[in-house]
Amino acid sequence: MLRPVGEAFAIARNTLRMSFKLLIVDDTEYAMSSVD
């Protein structure tokens, strides 16, 4: 009964982590480009 909840939680965590990585990449690229 708890398995679907755990799978949904894992999927949400993976999507959050991926979007967080994209945000970090965008911020670092913007910072590096502004330095130049």
N, C-alpha and C. Protein backbone atom coordinates (compact mmCIF):
# COMPACT_ATOMS: atom_id res chain seq x y z
N MET A 1 0.84 -1.20 0.00
CA MET A 1 0.00 0.00 0.00
C MET A 1 0.87 1.26 0.00
N LEU A 2 2.04 1.18 0.63
CA LEU A 2 2.91 2.35 0.68
C LEU A 2 3.81 2.46 -0.55
N ARG A 3 3.84 1.41 -1.36
CA ARG A 3 4.76 1.43 -2.51
C ARG A 3 4.42 2.54 -3.50
N PRO A 4 3.17 2.72 -3.94
CA PRO A 4 2.87 3.81 -4.89
C PRO A 4 3.24 5.17 -4.31
N VAL A 5 3.03 5.37 -3.01
CA VAL A 5 3.37 6.66 -2.41
C VAL A 5 4.88 6.86 -2.47
N GLY A 6 5.64 5.82 -2.18
CA GLY A 6 7.10 5.93 -2.22
C GLY A 6 7.59 6.19 -3.63
N GLU A 7 6.97 5.54 -4.63
CA GLU A 7 7.39 5.76 -6.01
C GLU A 7 7.08 7.19 -6.45
N ALA A 8 5.90 7.68 -6.08
CA ALA A 8 5.54 9.05 -6.44
C ALA A 8 6.49 10.04 -5.77
N PHE A 9 6.85 9.75 -4.52
CA PHE A 9 7.77 10.63 -3.79
C PHE A 9 9.15 10.63 -4.45
N ALA A 10 9.59 9.45 -4.89
CA ALA A 10 10.90 9.36 -5.56
C ALA A 10 10.88 10.12 -6.88
N ILE A 11 9.78 9.99 -7.63
CA ILE A 11 9.67 10.70 -8.91
C ILE A 11 9.69 12.21 -8.68
N ALA A 12 8.95 12.66 -7.66
CA ALA A 12 8.92 14.10 -7.36
C ALA A 12 10.31 14.58 -6.97
N ARG A 13 11.03 13.77 -6.19
CA ARG A 13 12.37 14.16 -5.77
C ARG A 13 13.32 14.24 -6.97
N ASN A 14 13.19 13.30 -7.90
CA ASN A 14 14.06 13.31 -9.08
C ASN A 14 13.79 14.54 -9.95
N THR A 15 12.51 14.87 -10.15
CA THR A 15 12.18 16.03 -10.98
C THR A 15 12.65 17.30 -10.30
N LEU A 16 12.48 17.39 -8.98
CA LEU A 16 12.95 18.57 -8.26
C LEU A 16 14.46 18.69 -8.38
N ARG A 17 15.16 17.57 -8.24
CA ARG A 17 16.63 17.61 -8.32
C ARG A 17 17.08 18.03 -9.71
N MET A 18 16.40 17.54 -10.76
CA MET A 18 16.79 17.90 -12.13
C MET A 18 16.54 19.38 -12.39
N SER A 19 15.39 19.90 -11.97
CA SER A 19 15.10 21.32 -12.18
C SER A 19 16.06 22.17 -11.36
N PHE A 20 16.42 21.68 -10.17
CA PHE A 20 17.36 22.42 -9.33
C PHE A 20 18.73 22.49 -10.00
N LYS A 21 19.14 21.37 -10.62
CA LYS A 21 20.42 21.36 -11.34
C LYS A 21 20.38 22.36 -12.49
N LEU A 22 19.26 22.39 -13.23
CA LEU A 22 19.15 23.32 -14.35
C LEU A 22 19.24 24.76 -13.86
N LEU A 23 18.60 25.05 -12.72
CA LEU A 23 18.67 26.40 -12.17
C LEU A 23 20.10 26.76 -11.81
N ILE A 24 20.81 25.81 -11.19
CA ILE A 24 22.20 26.08 -10.80
C ILE A 24 23.05 26.31 -12.04
N VAL A 25 22.85 25.50 -13.08
CA VAL A 25 23.63 25.66 -14.31
C VAL A 25 23.35 27.02 -14.92
N ASP A 26 22.09 27.44 -14.97
CA ASP A 26 21.75 28.74 -15.53
C ASP A 26 22.40 29.85 -14.73
N ASP A 27 22.38 29.75 -13.41
CA ASP A 27 22.97 30.79 -12.56
C ASP A 27 24.47 30.87 -12.78
N THR A 28 25.15 29.74 -12.83
CA THR A 28 26.61 29.77 -12.99
C THR A 28 26.97 30.29 -14.38
N GLU A 29 26.23 29.90 -15.40
CA GLU A 29 26.52 30.40 -16.75
C GLU A 29 26.29 31.90 -16.82
N TYR A 30 25.24 32.37 -16.17
CA TYR A 30 24.96 33.81 -16.17
C TYR A 30 26.06 34.56 -15.43
N ALA A 31 26.51 34.02 -14.30
CA ALA A 31 27.57 34.67 -13.52
C ALA A 31 28.86 34.71 -14.33
N MET A 32 29.20 33.61 -15.00
CA MET A 32 30.44 33.58 -15.78
C MET A 32 30.35 34.54 -16.96
N SER A 33 29.21 34.62 -17.60
CA SER A 33 29.08 35.51 -18.75
C SER A 33 29.10 36.98 -18.30
N SER A 34 28.56 37.26 -17.12
CA SER A 34 28.55 38.64 -16.63
C SER A 34 29.96 39.06 -16.22
N VAL A 35 30.78 38.09 -15.81
CA VAL A 35 32.17 38.41 -15.44
C VAL A 35 32.93 38.87 -16.68
N ASP A 36 32.71 38.19 -17.79
CA ASP A 36 33.39 38.61 -19.02
C ASP A 36 32.83 39.96 -19.47
